[in-house]
Protein backbone atom coordinates (compact mmCIF):
# COMPACT_ATOMS: atom_id res chain seq x y z
CA MET A 1 -51.22 37.39 -43.66
CA ASN A 2 -52.28 34.85 -46.20
CA ASN A 3 -55.94 34.43 -45.75
CA LEU A 4 -59.09 36.58 -45.25
CA ASN A 5 -61.64 35.45 -42.95
CA TYR A 6 -64.31 38.06 -44.37
CA LYS A 7 -63.85 36.79 -47.91
CA ASN A 8 -65.41 33.27 -48.67
CA ASN A 9 -64.56 32.84 -52.12
CA LEU A 10 -61.13 34.15 -51.92
CA ASP A 11 -58.74 32.03 -54.12
CA GLU A 12 -61.32 32.16 -57.13
CA THR A 13 -61.79 35.85 -56.83
CA LEU A 14 -57.86 36.32 -56.83
CA ASP A 15 -57.63 34.11 -59.90
CA ARG A 16 -60.34 36.26 -61.62
CA LEU A 17 -58.69 39.57 -60.78
CA ARG A 18 -55.34 38.26 -62.15
CA LEU A 19 -56.99 37.52 -65.32
CA LEU A 20 -58.28 41.05 -65.62
CA TYR A 21 -55.16 43.12 -64.51
CA GLU A 22 -52.36 40.81 -65.49
CA HIS A 23 -53.69 39.31 -68.50
CA ARG A 24 -56.06 42.22 -69.53
CA LEU A 25 -58.66 39.28 -70.44
CA GLN A 26 -61.17 40.88 -72.81
CA ASP A 27 -63.83 38.26 -73.11
CA ARG A 28 -65.00 37.97 -69.55
CA ILE A 29 -66.55 40.42 -67.07
CA PHE A 30 -66.05 41.07 -63.32
CA ALA A 31 -68.30 42.54 -60.73
CA SER A 32 -69.05 43.53 -57.20
CA PHE A 33 -72.48 44.02 -55.79
CA GLU A 34 -73.45 46.64 -53.20
CA ILE A 35 -76.12 45.60 -50.84
CA PRO A 36 -78.13 47.52 -48.19
CA SER A 37 -75.98 48.10 -45.17
CA THR A 38 -77.30 48.40 -41.68
CA VAL A 39 -73.84 49.35 -40.40
CA LEU A 40 -73.47 52.19 -42.72
CA LYS A 41 -77.07 53.40 -42.11
CA GLU A 42 -76.50 53.52 -38.15
CA TYR A 43 -73.10 55.18 -38.55
CA ASN A 44 -74.74 57.88 -40.66
CA GLN A 45 -77.27 58.46 -38.25
CA LYS A 46 -74.54 59.20 -35.47
CA ASN A 47 -72.42 61.16 -37.94
CA PRO A 48 -74.39 63.97 -39.93
CA GLU A 49 -72.59 64.65 -43.27
CA GLY A 50 -70.36 67.78 -43.23
CA TYR A 51 -67.21 69.06 -41.30
CA CYS A 52 -66.12 67.05 -38.32
CA GLU A 53 -63.55 66.92 -35.70
CA SER A 54 -60.43 64.49 -35.90
CA PRO A 55 -61.86 60.96 -35.97
CA ASP A 56 -61.05 58.30 -33.45
CA LEU A 57 -58.87 55.66 -35.04
CA HIS A 58 -60.29 52.59 -33.21
CA GLU A 59 -63.94 54.00 -33.84
CA ARG A 60 -63.01 54.11 -37.56
CA ILE A 61 -61.48 50.66 -37.86
CA ALA A 62 -64.58 49.36 -35.87
CA PHE A 63 -66.70 50.73 -38.67
CA TRP A 64 -64.75 49.38 -41.35
CA GLU A 65 -64.74 45.80 -39.44
CA GLY A 66 -68.60 45.94 -39.01
CA LEU A 67 -69.11 47.12 -42.70
CA LEU A 68 -66.85 44.33 -44.27
CA GLN A 69 -68.19 41.75 -42.11
CA GLU A 70 -71.66 42.49 -42.96
CA ARG A 71 -71.23 41.87 -46.72
CA MET A 72 -69.67 38.27 -46.33
CA ALA A 73 -72.56 36.62 -47.79
CA VAL A 74 -72.11 38.20 -51.13
CA GLU A 75 -69.58 36.11 -53.05
CA ASP A 76 -68.54 38.46 -55.77
CA ASP A 77 -65.19 39.85 -57.14
CA PHE A 78 -65.15 42.40 -54.18
CA MET A 79 -62.11 42.14 -52.00
CA PRO A 80 -62.63 43.35 -48.44
CA SER A 81 -60.51 46.44 -47.53
CA ALA A 82 -60.51 49.60 -45.32
CA TYR A 83 -59.44 52.76 -46.93
CA LEU A 84 -57.41 55.46 -45.33
CA SER A 85 -59.90 58.12 -46.32
CA GLU A 86 -58.59 60.37 -43.58
CA PHE A 87 -55.52 60.88 -45.60
CA ASP A 88 -56.75 61.22 -49.00
CA GLN A 89 -55.71 64.91 -49.40
CA GLY A 90 -55.19 66.51 -46.02
CA LEU A 91 -52.08 64.30 -45.14
CA TYR A 92 -49.91 65.79 -47.79
CA GLY A 93 -50.69 69.48 -47.00
CA GLY A 94 -50.47 68.83 -43.38
CA LEU A 95 -47.16 67.51 -43.75
CA VAL A 96 -45.96 70.82 -44.61
CA GLY A 97 -47.94 73.03 -42.34
CA GLY A 98 -51.33 72.99 -43.68
CA ASP A 99 -54.42 73.42 -41.46
CA VAL A 100 -56.28 70.07 -42.08
CA GLN A 101 -59.98 69.99 -41.83
CA PHE A 102 -62.13 66.71 -42.01
CA MET A 103 -65.39 66.12 -43.53
CA TYR A 104 -67.73 63.18 -43.17
CA HIS A 105 -69.58 61.66 -45.99
CA ASP A 106 -72.70 59.49 -46.21
CA ASN A 107 -70.62 56.66 -47.75
CA GLY A 108 -68.77 56.24 -44.34
CA TRP A 109 -65.61 58.16 -45.52
CA ILE A 110 -64.21 60.95 -43.28
CA SER A 111 -62.04 62.74 -45.80
CA SER A 112 -59.46 65.64 -45.21
CA MET A 113 -58.37 68.84 -47.20
CA VAL A 114 -56.45 72.00 -46.45
CA SER A 115 -56.83 75.51 -47.64
CA PRO A 116 -53.90 76.96 -49.73
CA ILE A 117 -50.76 76.90 -47.49
CA LEU A 118 -48.85 79.72 -48.90
CA ALA A 119 -49.36 83.32 -49.23
CA ASP A 120 -47.41 83.32 -52.45
CA TRP A 121 -44.59 81.46 -54.08
CA SER A 122 -41.79 83.44 -51.87
CA GLU A 123 -42.63 81.14 -49.01
CA PHE A 124 -41.87 78.00 -50.79
CA ASP A 125 -38.47 77.59 -49.45
CA SER A 126 -39.72 77.28 -45.96
CA LEU A 127 -41.32 73.82 -46.88
CA VAL A 128 -39.52 70.95 -45.41
CA LEU A 129 -40.61 67.14 -44.66
CA GLU A 130 -39.71 65.62 -41.48
CA GLU A 131 -40.81 62.35 -40.17
CA SER A 132 -41.14 63.69 -36.70
CA HIS A 133 -44.00 66.02 -38.01
CA PRO A 134 -47.19 65.17 -35.86
CA TRP A 135 -49.03 64.44 -39.10
CA PHE A 136 -46.33 61.78 -40.17
CA GLN A 137 -46.60 60.12 -36.83
CA ARG A 138 -50.37 60.21 -37.14
CA PHE A 139 -50.01 58.56 -40.39
CA VAL A 140 -47.88 55.82 -39.04
CA ARG A 141 -50.33 55.50 -36.09
CA GLN A 142 -53.22 55.02 -38.04
CA MET A 143 -51.57 52.31 -40.24
CA GLN A 144 -50.53 50.37 -37.18
CA VAL A 145 -54.05 50.44 -35.64
CA PHE A 146 -55.70 49.46 -38.93
CA THR A 147 -53.31 46.81 -39.72
CA GLU A 148 -53.37 45.26 -36.24
CA ASN A 149 -57.12 45.24 -36.11
CA ALA A 150 -57.88 44.03 -39.64
CA SER A 151 -55.39 41.03 -38.96
CA ASP A 152 -56.42 38.12 -41.12
CA LYS A 153 -59.92 39.53 -41.55
CA PHE A 154 -59.60 42.00 -44.21
CA GLY A 155 -56.94 44.25 -45.93
CA ILE A 156 -55.83 48.01 -46.20
CA SER A 157 -56.20 49.69 -49.47
CA HIS A 158 -53.73 51.81 -51.00
CA PHE A 159 -54.78 55.58 -51.00
CA ILE A 160 -54.53 58.46 -53.45
CA LEU A 161 -51.35 60.49 -54.23
CA ILE A 162 -51.48 64.17 -54.24
CA ASP A 163 -48.53 65.09 -56.27
CA GLY A 164 -47.75 67.10 -59.39
CA LEU A 165 -50.31 69.84 -60.10
CA ASN A 166 -52.32 68.60 -57.25
CA PHE A 167 -49.78 69.37 -54.72
CA SER A 168 -49.41 72.83 -56.31
CA PHE A 169 -53.20 73.27 -55.68
CA GLU A 170 -52.36 72.43 -51.86
CA LEU A 171 -49.68 75.24 -51.84
CA VAL A 172 -51.44 78.24 -53.57
CA GLY A 173 -54.76 77.02 -54.94
CA ALA A 174 -55.89 76.01 -58.40
CA THR A 175 -56.31 79.38 -59.85
CA GLU A 176 -52.78 80.46 -58.92
CA THR A 177 -51.36 77.18 -60.07
CA TYR A 178 -52.82 77.41 -63.71
CA GLU A 179 -51.72 81.26 -63.75
CA SER A 180 -48.13 80.19 -62.46
CA ILE A 181 -47.76 77.60 -65.39
CA ILE A 182 -47.92 80.68 -67.60
CA GLU A 183 -46.38 83.34 -65.48
CA CYS A 184 -43.68 81.85 -63.49
CA PRO A 185 -43.40 78.06 -64.52
CA GLU A 186 -40.22 77.51 -62.62
CA ASN A 187 -42.14 77.74 -59.43
CA VAL A 188 -44.60 74.99 -60.51
CA THR A 189 -41.63 72.77 -61.69
CA ARG A 190 -40.22 73.23 -58.03
CA ALA A 191 -43.46 72.30 -56.39
CA ILE A 192 -43.68 69.25 -58.60
CA GLU A 193 -40.09 68.14 -57.45
CA PHE A 194 -40.75 68.58 -54.04
CA ALA A 195 -44.20 66.81 -54.21
CA PHE A 196 -42.50 63.91 -55.86
CA ASP A 197 -40.19 63.15 -52.97
CA LEU A 198 -43.03 63.87 -50.60
CA ASN A 199 -45.26 61.37 -52.04
CA LEU A 200 -42.65 58.93 -52.64
CA LYS A 201 -41.95 58.72 -49.20
CA VAL A 202 -45.62 58.60 -47.98
CA GLN A 203 -46.22 55.63 -50.25
CA GLN A 204 -43.02 53.88 -49.49
CA THR A 205 -43.99 54.14 -45.75
CA PHE A 206 -47.36 52.76 -46.64
CA PHE A 207 -45.91 49.64 -48.17
CA GLU A 208 -43.46 49.28 -45.28
CA TYR A 209 -46.45 49.00 -42.58
CA VAL A 210 -49.08 47.64 -44.97
CA SER A 211 -47.46 44.62 -46.73
CA THR A 212 -48.93 43.00 -50.03
CA PHE A 213 -51.29 40.24 -50.02
CA ARG A 214 -50.56 37.13 -52.12
CA GLY A 215 -48.20 39.53 -53.94
CA GLY A 216 -50.70 42.05 -54.71
CA THR A 217 -52.22 45.60 -53.38
CA PHE A 218 -55.76 46.08 -52.08
CA SER A 219 -57.46 48.89 -53.70
CA ASN A 220 -60.63 50.92 -53.27
CA MET A 221 -60.31 51.69 -57.05
CA VAL A 222 -59.78 48.11 -58.48
CA GLN A 223 -60.25 45.73 -55.52
CA TRP A 224 -56.78 44.02 -55.51
CA ILE A 225 -54.11 44.15 -58.07
CA PRO A 226 -50.90 42.08 -58.48
CA GLY A 227 -47.77 44.09 -57.27
CA LYS A 228 -47.19 47.14 -55.32
CA VAL A 229 -49.44 49.36 -57.07
CA ILE A 230 -50.12 52.97 -56.35
CA SER A 231 -53.21 55.19 -57.04
CA GLU A 232 -52.61 58.39 -58.95
CA SER A 233 -54.62 61.43 -59.95
CA VAL A 234 -54.84 63.28 -63.10
CA ASP A 235 -57.65 65.66 -61.79
CA PRO A 236 -56.02 68.93 -62.54
CA PHE A 237 -55.90 68.05 -66.32
CA HIS A 238 -59.60 67.54 -66.58
CA MET A 239 -59.95 71.52 -67.01
CA THR A 240 -57.03 71.63 -69.23
CA SER A 241 -55.99 70.53 -72.82
CA VAL A 242 -54.45 67.18 -73.56
CA ASP A 243 -51.24 69.24 -74.34
CA TYR A 244 -50.95 70.48 -70.71
CA PHE A 245 -51.21 66.97 -69.53
CA GLU A 246 -48.35 65.93 -71.79
CA THR A 247 -46.29 68.85 -70.60
CA TRP A 248 -46.99 68.96 -66.96
CA GLY A 249 -48.43 65.47 -66.05
CA ARG A 250 -47.23 62.57 -67.93
CA ALA A 251 -43.43 62.54 -66.90
CA ASN A 252 -44.19 63.04 -63.45
CA ILE A 253 -46.67 60.09 -63.41
CA GLU A 254 -44.50 57.78 -65.44
CA ARG A 255 -41.59 58.69 -63.19
CA MET A 256 -43.80 57.84 -59.90
CA PHE A 257 -45.12 54.51 -61.51
CA SER A 258 -41.72 53.36 -62.24
CA CYS A 259 -40.80 53.45 -58.60
CA PHE A 260 -43.39 50.93 -57.81
CA ASP A 261 -45.04 48.20 -59.81
CA GLY A 262 -47.07 50.59 -61.84
CA GLY A 263 -50.41 52.39 -60.92
CA VAL A 264 -54.13 52.85 -61.45
CA LEU A 265 -55.94 56.05 -62.19
CA HIS A 266 -59.52 57.48 -61.98
CA ILE A 267 -60.96 59.84 -64.46
CA HIS A 268 -63.85 62.03 -63.89
CA GLY A 269 -66.74 62.73 -66.48
CA ASN A 270 -65.17 65.95 -67.51
CA GLY A 271 -61.86 64.29 -68.13
CA ARG A 272 -62.66 61.89 -70.79
CA HIS A 273 -60.93 64.02 -73.47
CA LEU A 274 -57.68 62.55 -71.74
CA LEU A 275 -58.57 59.09 -72.46
CA GLU A 276 -56.25 58.42 -75.22
CA ALA A 277 -53.31 60.07 -73.74
CA VAL A 278 -53.88 58.53 -70.22
CA SER A 279 -54.12 54.93 -71.81
CA SER A 280 -50.70 55.24 -73.17
CA ILE A 281 -49.06 55.94 -69.76
CA THR A 282 -46.20 53.61 -69.02
CA GLY A 283 -46.94 51.49 -66.03
CA LEU A 284 -50.83 52.12 -66.07
CA LYS A 285 -52.58 49.00 -64.80
CA ALA A 286 -56.29 50.02 -64.76
CA VAL A 287 -58.55 53.15 -64.90
CA PHE A 288 -61.74 53.89 -62.82
CA LEU A 289 -64.20 55.84 -64.74
CA GLY A 290 -66.15 58.12 -62.53
CA ASP A 291 -69.69 59.61 -63.25
CA ASP A 292 -70.20 63.27 -62.82
CA THR A 293 -73.29 65.52 -63.31
CA GLY A 294 -73.47 66.87 -66.79
CA PHE A 295 -72.04 64.07 -68.40
CA PRO A 296 -73.38 60.68 -69.70
CA PRO A 297 -72.65 57.89 -66.95
CA ALA A 298 -69.56 55.84 -68.20
CA PHE A 299 -71.68 52.66 -68.27
CA ASP A 300 -74.05 54.30 -71.02
CA VAL A 301 -71.13 55.06 -73.33
CA LEU A 302 -68.82 52.10 -72.30
CA ASP A 303 -68.43 50.79 -75.69
CA GLU A 304 -67.14 54.13 -76.98
CA LEU A 305 -64.81 54.43 -74.09
CA LYS A 306 -63.52 50.95 -74.58
CA LEU A 307 -62.67 51.64 -78.31
CA ARG A 308 -60.69 54.67 -77.08
CA MET A 309 -58.81 52.88 -74.37
CA GLY A 310 -58.03 49.60 -75.95
CA ASP A 311 -57.30 46.63 -73.74
CA ILE A 312 -56.76 48.77 -70.39
CA PRO A 313 -58.90 47.25 -67.81
CA LEU A 314 -61.70 49.54 -66.84
CA VAL A 315 -63.85 49.94 -63.63
CA VAL A 316 -67.38 51.56 -63.96
CA MET A 317 -70.40 51.98 -61.63
CA VAL A 318 -74.00 51.12 -62.59
CA ASP A 319 -77.14 50.55 -60.81
CA PHE A 320 -78.43 46.84 -60.45
CA ALA A 321 -81.42 47.38 -62.80
CA GLU A 322 -79.51 48.49 -65.76
CA PHE A 323 -76.61 45.84 -65.13
CA SER A 324 -78.88 43.01 -64.90
CA GLU A 325 -80.86 43.93 -68.02
CA LYS A 326 -77.72 44.13 -69.98
CA LEU A 327 -76.32 40.86 -68.45
CA HIS A 328 -79.59 39.07 -69.33
CA ARG A 329 -79.37 40.48 -73.07
CA HIS A 330 -75.83 39.70 -73.38
CA GLU A 331 -74.71 43.01 -74.07
CA LEU A 332 -72.11 43.77 -71.62
CA PRO A 333 -68.43 44.61 -72.90
CA GLY A 334 -65.71 42.56 -71.74
CA GLY A 335 -62.49 43.45 -69.60
CA VAL A 336 -64.44 45.63 -67.50
CA PHE A 337 -65.01 45.36 -63.67
CA TYR A 338 -68.78 46.55 -62.87
CA GLN A 339 -69.46 48.03 -59.57
CA VAL A 340 -73.24 47.21 -59.31
CA LEU A 341 -75.02 49.73 -56.96
CA LYS A 342 -78.43 49.52 -55.49
CA THR A 343 -78.53 45.47 -55.39
CA PRO A 344 -81.81 44.45 -53.34
CA ASP A 345 -79.92 41.90 -51.14
CA ALA A 346 -77.03 39.15 -50.90
CA ASP A 347 -79.17 36.43 -52.66
CA THR A 348 -79.90 38.49 -55.48
CA ALA A 349 -76.32 39.32 -55.90
CA ASN A 350 -75.14 35.75 -55.81
CA ARG A 351 -77.62 34.66 -58.32
CA CYS A 352 -76.43 37.30 -60.58
CA MET A 353 -72.76 36.55 -59.90
CA GLU A 354 -73.32 32.96 -61.34
CA LYS A 355 -74.10 34.56 -64.48
CA VAL A 356 -71.22 36.93 -64.41
CA ARG A 357 -68.83 33.89 -63.85
CA SER A 358 -70.04 31.91 -66.80
CA TYR A 359 -70.27 35.23 -69.01
CA ILE A 360 -68.08 35.08 -72.18
CA VAL A 361 -68.30 37.93 -74.73
């Protein structure tokens, strides 16, 4: 695949994204615009939010096809790709015997999760990873269905890793993991090593079935980024000190990044104390800054966050009214990808995008 029928300004967008992620250009801004979606509205009416059954793969790819085709009229920095949300957590636990549950969300995602798998650490030695496992076969089958149907219309995004302490959470739960770091750290170390091999196998298999596009990776976090790039998580350290990250997180992440062409991360509102440490991770390409209740939106404190993170490309969310006001006043920091929400329509988005392309800090 070398073209995308669902992306009208493809070449221009790829050139722009390379400036951000390869060259870390700090005097320009980048943006995507969310517009009202009839496809999503109708899909939500048929699928109430909450726990649900295992989704039909052909129905899922049909949803993504309709959603991505619908926004073709918007000529922004968005890259159309489907996200394998069904594997965003449950795949990893499912591969070692976890009971996978699915949940529908009003953004169209069907996510997955497992309850803690082990009664205690004594059961750890029973864990094995086998490609013949039904969940591994399901993983392969979904990639086949998605790539066949996406064809030359849109891409398939990489999806989150569940390694390090995240995988220990899958095994024994978060509380037990934090206690084990103090009481039996050797068990946590063994879980991290097992998780590394498991995640490496999953991600290598992803790139075997989902090839790069024009030398880059589609990403729900950063749209598209040069190289074979993975999507990591430091969520367990949002509730710990930076020292815990340095002891239990950094080495594993840098080791995983080194197996690919680097990686991207997301940071929630309660994890911003990690920004300086995260910014120095070898192989880090970009950071998505999430918003959470109880913390100021990243957009509102973006100048401060930029100072703390240097030239690392950032992705933030912001409503259209706030974004357009600061765009008009020329107050937007550069080196940032703005995911603009609640845009009235495609025409409004395209007019605003003209100003984005000509914007120089």
